[in-house]
Protein backbone atom coordinates (compact mmCIF):
# COMPACT_ATOMS: atom_id res chain seq x y z
CA MET A 1 15.18 25.76 5.65
CA SER A 2 13.96 27.59 2.58
CA GLU A 3 10.85 26.72 0.62
CA ASN A 4 13.06 25.22 -2.11
CA HIS A 5 14.83 23.01 0.42
CA PRO A 6 12.19 21.60 2.76
CA ALA A 7 13.12 19.59 5.79
CA PRO A 8 13.72 15.92 5.10
CA VAL A 9 10.79 13.62 5.62
CA ARG A 10 11.41 11.44 8.66
CA VAL A 11 10.23 7.94 7.81
CA LEU A 12 9.84 5.10 10.28
CA HIS A 13 9.73 1.79 8.41
CA VAL A 14 8.24 -1.27 10.08
CA PRO A 15 10.27 -3.38 10.13
CA ARG A 16 13.36 -1.18 9.95
CA ALA A 17 15.95 -3.98 9.76
CA HIS A 18 15.02 -5.51 6.41
CA GLY A 19 16.84 -5.79 3.09
CA TYR A 20 13.81 -4.57 1.14
CA VAL A 21 13.64 -1.41 3.23
CA ASP A 22 17.37 -0.83 2.84
CA HIS A 23 16.99 -0.61 -0.94
CA LEU A 24 14.00 1.76 -1.11
CA GLY A 25 16.21 4.81 -0.87
CA ASP A 26 19.13 6.02 -2.94
CA ASP A 27 21.95 8.45 -2.23
CA ARG A 28 21.02 10.22 -5.48
CA VAL A 29 17.61 11.07 -3.99
CA PRO A 30 18.06 13.11 -0.81
CA GLY A 31 15.10 14.14 1.26
CA VAL A 32 14.33 11.08 3.41
CA VAL A 33 15.74 10.43 6.86
CA LEU A 34 15.19 6.96 8.29
CA VAL A 35 14.05 6.75 11.89
CA ASP A 36 14.59 3.71 14.12
CA ASP A 37 12.05 2.74 16.77
CA GLY A 38 14.71 0.84 18.72
CA THR A 39 13.28 -2.63 18.14
CA PRO A 40 16.12 -5.13 18.78
CA ASP A 41 17.54 -6.75 15.65
CA GLY A 42 17.98 -10.15 17.29
CA PRO A 43 18.50 -12.86 18.14
CA GLY A 44 14.98 -14.09 17.51
CA TRP A 45 11.95 -12.11 16.45
CA HIS A 46 10.83 -9.03 18.34
CA PRO A 47 7.55 -7.16 17.70
CA ALA A 48 8.11 -3.67 16.38
CA ARG A 49 7.77 -1.04 19.09
CA ALA A 50 6.17 1.30 16.56
CA LEU A 51 3.13 -1.01 16.39
CA ASP A 52 2.31 -0.06 19.99
CA PRO A 53 -0.20 2.83 19.99
CA ASP A 54 1.22 4.12 23.28
CA TRP A 55 4.71 4.19 21.78
CA VAL A 56 3.36 6.26 18.87
CA LEU A 57 1.69 8.73 21.20
CA THR A 58 4.95 9.16 23.10
CA HIS A 59 7.34 9.28 20.13
CA ALA A 60 5.26 10.92 17.40
CA GLY A 61 7.49 13.98 17.42
CA GLU A 62 10.38 11.84 16.12
CA PHE A 63 8.88 10.88 12.74
CA ASP A 64 6.55 12.15 10.03
CA VAL A 65 5.51 8.92 8.30
CA LEU A 66 5.06 5.40 9.58
CA HIS A 67 5.55 3.07 6.62
CA LEU A 68 4.28 -0.43 7.39
CA HIS A 69 5.47 -3.46 5.42
CA PHE A 70 5.52 -6.72 7.39
CA GLY A 71 5.31 -8.16 10.86
CA PHE A 72 1.85 -7.07 11.96
CA GLU A 73 0.21 -10.53 11.86
CA GLY A 74 0.75 -10.85 15.62
CA CYS A 75 -1.50 -7.84 16.24
CA THR A 76 -5.25 -7.89 16.83
CA PRO A 77 -7.63 -5.79 14.74
CA ALA A 78 -8.35 -3.70 17.84
CA ARG A 79 -4.66 -2.94 18.33
CA LEU A 80 -4.30 -1.85 14.70
CA ARG A 81 -7.38 0.36 15.00
CA ASP A 82 -5.81 1.96 18.06
CA LEU A 83 -2.54 2.38 16.15
CA ALA A 84 -4.33 4.15 13.30
CA ALA A 85 -6.15 6.37 15.79
CA ALA A 86 -2.87 7.26 17.51
CA LEU A 87 -1.34 8.26 14.19
CA ARG A 88 -4.36 10.40 13.29
CA THR A 89 -4.36 12.04 16.72
CA THR A 90 -0.69 12.98 16.41
CA GLY A 91 -0.90 14.03 12.75
CA ARG A 92 1.46 11.31 11.54
CA ALA A 93 0.86 9.68 8.14
CA LEU A 94 0.41 5.94 7.68
CA VAL A 95 1.70 4.34 4.48
CA LEU A 96 1.01 0.65 3.86
CA THR A 97 2.79 -1.42 1.24
CA VAL A 98 0.61 -4.44 0.56
CA HIS A 99 3.28 -7.07 0.08
CA ASP A 100 1.08 -9.99 1.08
CA LEU A 101 -2.58 -10.42 0.28
CA GLN A 102 -2.04 -13.98 1.49
CA ASN A 103 0.43 -14.30 4.33
CA PRO A 104 3.01 -17.01 3.57
CA HIS A 105 3.63 -17.63 7.26
CA LEU A 106 0.00 -18.60 7.94
CA ARG A 107 -1.93 -21.65 6.76
CA THR A 108 -5.34 -20.00 7.06
CA GLN A 109 -5.92 -16.41 6.04
CA GLU A 110 -9.11 -15.32 7.79
CA ALA A 111 -7.40 -13.62 10.75
CA TYR A 112 -4.85 -11.94 8.49
CA ALA A 113 -7.63 -10.68 6.21
CA GLU A 114 -9.22 -9.01 9.24
CA LEU A 115 -6.00 -7.10 9.82
CA LEU A 116 -5.93 -5.91 6.20
CA ASP A 117 -9.57 -4.88 6.63
CA VAL A 118 -8.32 -2.42 9.26
CA LEU A 119 -5.09 -1.26 7.66
CA VAL A 120 -6.05 -0.79 4.01
CA PRO A 121 -8.93 1.63 4.71
CA ALA A 122 -6.96 3.40 7.46
CA ALA A 123 -3.78 4.08 5.49
CA ASP A 124 -3.18 7.55 4.11
CA ALA A 125 -1.49 5.99 1.08
CA LEU A 126 -1.17 2.49 -0.34
CA LEU A 127 1.59 0.86 -2.35
CA THR A 128 2.02 -2.60 -3.78
CA LEU A 129 4.50 -4.36 -6.05
CA THR A 130 2.47 -5.49 -9.07
CA PRO A 131 -0.54 -4.38 -11.12
CA GLY A 132 -2.36 -7.62 -10.32
CA ALA A 133 -2.05 -7.04 -6.60
CA ALA A 134 -3.19 -3.44 -7.06
CA ALA A 135 -6.30 -4.64 -8.90
CA GLU A 136 -7.02 -7.16 -6.15
CA VAL A 137 -6.73 -4.48 -3.46
CA GLU A 138 -9.09 -2.26 -5.44
CA ARG A 139 -11.57 -5.12 -5.87
CA ARG A 140 -11.58 -5.92 -2.16
CA TRP A 141 -11.40 -2.45 -0.62
CA GLY A 142 -12.19 0.06 -3.33
CA ARG A 143 -8.76 1.72 -3.17
CA ARG A 144 -6.12 1.50 -5.91
CA PRO A 145 -2.53 1.37 -4.60
CA GLN A 146 0.37 2.94 -6.42
CA VAL A 147 2.52 0.22 -8.01
CA VAL A 148 6.24 0.45 -7.23
CA PRO A 149 8.29 -2.65 -8.11
CA HIS A 150 10.45 -4.63 -5.73
CA PRO A 151 14.05 -3.31 -5.83
CA HIS A 152 17.14 -5.50 -5.98
CA VAL A 153 17.88 -7.85 -3.09
CA ALA A 154 21.54 -8.70 -3.72
CA PRO A 155 24.06 -5.86 -3.34
CA LEU A 156 24.37 -4.06 -6.65
CA GLU A 157 27.99 -5.14 -7.02
CA ASP A 158 26.79 -8.77 -6.95
CA VAL A 159 23.99 -8.40 -9.51
CA GLY A 160 24.32 -9.99 -12.94
CA PRO A 161 27.22 -12.42 -12.48
CA PRO A 162 28.19 -14.50 -15.52
CA ARG A 163 26.60 -17.94 -15.39
CA THR A 164 27.44 -21.30 -16.89
CA ALA A 165 25.21 -24.38 -16.87
CA ASN A 166 26.05 -27.21 -14.51
CA SER A 167 26.62 -30.77 -15.67
CA PRO A 168 24.56 -32.51 -14.48
CA ARG A 169 21.93 -29.80 -14.24
CA VAL A 170 21.05 -28.88 -10.66
CA VAL A 171 17.45 -28.17 -9.68
CA GLY A 172 17.15 -26.90 -6.12
CA VAL A 173 14.34 -26.77 -3.58
CA HIS A 174 15.09 -25.03 -0.31
CA LEU A 175 12.57 -26.07 2.33
CA LYS A 176 14.13 -23.81 4.98
CA SER A 177 12.13 -24.36 8.19
CA LEU A 178 8.93 -25.52 6.47
CA ARG A 179 7.14 -22.21 6.20
CA ALA A 180 3.36 -22.51 6.25
CA ASN A 181 2.89 -21.94 2.52
CA LEU A 182 5.15 -24.82 1.43
CA ARG A 183 3.71 -27.74 -0.51
CA ALA A 184 6.77 -29.92 -0.23
CA LEU A 185 6.04 -33.58 -0.83
CA PRO A 186 3.96 -33.35 -4.04
CA VAL A 187 6.53 -30.99 -5.56
CA LEU A 188 9.50 -33.13 -4.56
CA ARG A 189 7.90 -36.27 -5.98
CA SER A 190 7.23 -34.47 -9.27
CA LEU A 191 10.80 -33.19 -9.43
CA VAL A 192 12.32 -36.61 -8.85
CA THR A 193 10.17 -38.08 -11.62
CA ALA A 194 10.99 -35.20 -13.96
CA ALA A 195 14.71 -35.40 -13.23
CA GLY A 196 14.64 -39.10 -14.07
CA ALA A 197 12.85 -38.43 -17.36
CA LEU A 198 15.27 -35.67 -18.35
CA THR A 199 18.26 -37.81 -17.45
CA GLN A 200 16.94 -40.61 -19.68
CA GLU A 201 16.53 -38.06 -22.50
CA GLY A 202 20.20 -37.17 -22.25
CA THR A 203 20.06 -34.17 -19.90
CA PRO A 204 21.43 -35.47 -16.60
CA THR A 205 19.58 -33.69 -13.80
CA THR A 206 20.07 -33.69 -10.04
CA VAL A 207 17.46 -32.62 -7.48
CA ARG A 208 19.11 -30.83 -4.56
CA VAL A 209 17.01 -30.40 -1.42
CA ASP A 210 18.14 -28.07 1.37
CA VAL A 211 16.43 -27.94 4.75
CA HIS A 212 17.21 -26.46 8.13
CA GLY A 213 18.14 -29.08 10.67
CA GLU A 214 15.54 -27.91 13.17
CA ALA A 215 12.74 -28.83 10.76
CA LEU A 216 13.70 -32.50 10.91
CA GLN A 217 13.49 -32.65 14.71
CA GLU A 218 10.30 -34.18 16.13
CA GLY A 219 9.78 -31.39 18.62
CA PHE A 220 9.86 -28.63 16.01
CA PRO A 221 6.43 -26.95 15.66
CA ARG A 222 6.21 -27.45 11.87
CA HIS A 223 7.86 -30.88 11.83
CA ASP A 224 6.39 -33.15 9.14
CA ALA A 225 7.05 -36.81 9.88
CA ASP A 226 5.97 -38.01 6.42
CA LEU A 227 8.22 -35.49 4.70
CA THR A 228 11.17 -36.32 6.95
CA ALA A 229 10.80 -40.04 6.25
CA TRP A 230 10.55 -39.39 2.50
CA LEU A 231 13.66 -37.18 2.51
CA ARG A 232 15.71 -39.78 4.33
CA GLN A 233 14.56 -42.53 1.97
CA ALA A 234 15.11 -40.43 -1.14
CA SER A 235 18.53 -39.35 0.06
CA GLY A 236 19.51 -42.92 0.85
CA SER A 237 18.47 -44.11 -2.61
CA GLY A 238 20.24 -41.25 -4.36
CA ALA A 239 17.01 -39.77 -5.70
CA VAL A 240 17.85 -36.41 -4.11
CA ASP A 241 20.98 -34.66 -2.93
CA LEU A 242 19.89 -33.77 0.63
CA ARG A 243 21.71 -30.97 2.47
CA VAL A 244 20.77 -30.40 6.13
CA HIS A 245 22.22 -27.26 7.71
CA ASP A 246 21.49 -24.08 9.63
CA ARG A 247 20.31 -20.90 7.92
CA PHE A 248 22.61 -19.51 5.26
CA ASP A 249 24.11 -16.11 5.83
CA ASP A 250 23.81 -13.69 2.92
CA ALA A 251 27.01 -14.85 1.26
CA GLY A 252 26.10 -18.49 1.70
CA LEU A 253 22.64 -17.98 0.23
CA ALA A 254 24.06 -16.21 -2.82
CA ALA A 255 26.61 -18.99 -3.35
CA TYR A 256 23.85 -21.58 -3.05
CA LEU A 257 21.66 -19.89 -5.66
CA ARG A 258 24.58 -19.39 -8.04
CA GLY A 259 25.17 -23.14 -7.84
CA LEU A 260 21.67 -23.95 -9.14
CA ASP A 261 20.42 -24.01 -12.70
CA VAL A 262 16.82 -23.73 -11.48
CA SER A 263 15.40 -22.73 -8.10
CA VAL A 264 11.97 -24.23 -7.45
CA LEU A 265 9.52 -22.32 -5.28
CA ALA A 266 7.27 -24.98 -3.75
CA TYR A 267 4.65 -22.44 -2.66
CA ALA A 268 1.00 -23.35 -2.25
CA HIS A 269 -0.10 -19.76 -1.68
CA GLY A 270 1.35 -16.27 -1.55
CA THR A 271 1.38 -12.94 -3.33
CA HIS A 272 4.94 -11.79 -4.07
CA SER A 273 8.42 -13.22 -3.53
CA GLY A 274 11.69 -11.70 -2.42
CA TRP A 275 13.38 -15.04 -3.25
CA LEU A 276 12.33 -14.58 -6.88
CA GLU A 277 13.90 -11.13 -6.87
CA LEU A 278 17.17 -12.47 -5.45
CA CYS A 279 17.25 -15.18 -8.12
CA HIS A 280 16.68 -12.46 -10.74
CA ASP A 281 19.69 -10.58 -9.35
CA LEU A 282 21.91 -13.66 -9.46
CA GLY A 283 20.73 -15.06 -12.80
CA THR A 284 19.09 -18.21 -11.42
CA THR A 285 15.97 -19.29 -13.32
CA VAL A 286 12.90 -19.81 -11.14
CA LEU A 287 10.20 -22.47 -11.50
CA ALA A 288 7.03 -21.96 -9.49
CA ASP A 289 3.38 -22.87 -9.40
CA ARG A 290 0.78 -20.33 -10.53
CA VAL A 291 0.73 -18.53 -7.21
CA GLY A 292 -0.13 -14.91 -6.55
CA PHE A 293 1.46 -12.35 -8.85
CA LEU A 294 4.97 -13.76 -9.13
CA HIS A 295 4.62 -13.72 -12.92
CA GLU A 296 4.26 -9.93 -12.80
CA GLN A 297 7.41 -9.47 -10.74
CA GLN A 298 10.03 -11.11 -12.94
CA PRO A 299 10.16 -13.58 -15.84
CA LEU A 300 9.99 -17.18 -14.63
CA VAL A 301 8.59 -20.58 -15.60
CA GLN A 302 5.23 -21.56 -14.11
CA ALA A 303 3.57 -24.95 -14.09
CA ASP A 304 1.44 -27.25 -11.95
CA LEU A 305 4.20 -28.54 -9.72
CA ALA A 306 2.14 -31.51 -8.58
CA ASP A 307 2.06 -32.83 -12.18
CA PRO A 308 5.31 -34.65 -13.07
CA SER A 309 4.77 -34.31 -16.83
CA ALA A 310 4.14 -30.57 -16.48
CA VAL A 311 7.27 -30.23 -14.35
CA THR A 312 9.32 -32.14 -16.92
CA GLY A 313 8.25 -29.75 -19.67
CA ALA A 314 8.76 -26.75 -17.41
CA LEU A 315 12.33 -27.80 -16.62
CA ARG A 316 13.06 -28.21 -20.33
CA ARG A 317 11.93 -24.61 -20.84
CA ALA A 318 13.91 -23.41 -17.86
CA PHE A 319 17.09 -25.13 -19.04
CA ALA A 320 16.65 -23.55 -22.47
CA GLY A 321 16.71 -20.09 -20.88
CA VAL A 322 14.04 -17.56 -19.98
CA ALA A 323 14.34 -14.16 -21.62
CA GLY A 324 14.76 -11.37 -19.10
CA SER A 325 15.11 -13.65 -16.09
CA ALA A 326 18.59 -12.37 -15.26
CA ALA A 327 19.05 -8.79 -14.12
CA THR A 328 21.96 -6.53 -14.93
CA ALA A 329 23.50 -4.17 -12.41
CA GLY A 330 22.62 -1.23 -14.65
CA GLU A 331 18.96 -2.19 -14.76
CA ARG A 332 18.76 -2.61 -11.03
CA ARG A 333 20.63 0.64 -10.37
CA ALA A 334 18.23 2.57 -12.61
CA GLN A 335 15.25 0.85 -11.03
CA ARG A 336 16.44 1.73 -7.55
CA LEU A 337 16.61 5.38 -8.53
CA ARG A 338 13.00 5.24 -9.77
CA VAL A 339 11.86 3.44 -6.62
CA ALA A 340 13.54 6.04 -4.39
CA ARG A 341 11.98 8.91 -6.33
CA ASP A 342 8.54 7.32 -6.18
CA HIS A 343 8.77 6.89 -2.42
CA LEU A 344 10.03 10.42 -1.82
CA GLY A 345 7.25 11.82 -4.00
CA LEU A 346 4.65 9.90 -2.04
CA TYR A 347 6.05 10.98 1.33
CA ARG A 348 6.22 14.60 0.21
CA SER A 349 2.57 14.44 -0.84
CA LEU A 350 1.63 13.43 2.71
CA VAL A 351 3.89 15.75 4.68
CA PRO A 352 3.63 19.54 4.35
CA ALA A 353 6.70 21.11 2.79
CA THR A 354 7.09 23.59 5.61
CA PRO A 355 10.22 23.11 7.70
CA GLY A 356 9.89 20.33 10.24
CA VAL A 357 12.21 19.19 12.95
CA PRO A 358 15.20 17.65 11.18
CA ALA A 359 16.21 14.28 12.62
């Protein structure tokens, strides 16, 4: 290849099978070839093979950049130090996107912080999604990540559908399988009180609660007996519209969100949210507590979700409409182009432009 047409940069994303990763590139921006480490897609969760230092030493000739996003919380600090050493030994670059300064899958953060204490200093380049997260990384580790926003989650052809308000209004909380960062009961109690107040004011409002069936089974690891009892009582009294089901597929999740006027994120801690981005794509207003840097991702309504009066006022604002909360396909298409160019530019800065071994 000539100097004007360098070999494509071979990038191994961890994890590879993820919607976020799928939307980092763009056909209008050639120059990146995605490499797969062969980690099974399912069923169930499988640790990425590329997080094994021995795998890196054996397969380093197949990629130029290892770009790490999620899924390393099962590693030890020693394993990540060995991974970084294997990448340095083989001349492969490590890029880390700091999605989570607080891991939403963990109740306590000390062990996760130890992993970031290894990865952030070791990475050849850092990215994150918001200026606030970049400032926090700089405060904690003395390194300022490049800020590249979260791209669309829904397929571009599904972004920006026309929306009409429901009657009664539908406020949804999806508890899924009770992820560790959920603060369910205080939020649900506030929403029921707020829905009653709004209904009395003349804005009929329904609280819809979705939950995966496994979470209501006593043997499930994150089963909450108090929450389960409350849900059954509230459903029986008509205070909530309870829907118990398995995980939505992509089409089912999009249909669910389009059926809501407001999606409530009952998060107690976190940093960023892909759910917020999907709601932005589909035009569903989001209500959340003041958690992480969600407010820097997309326009939303924030309030103390444990305070029924605050939730009542927040829902009034949400029903009135939040400027900029709904994406258009054109905006997301243009953003994706910028995101792809930013990533290619970063990879090119880390990989010499001399011809490599095309994948």
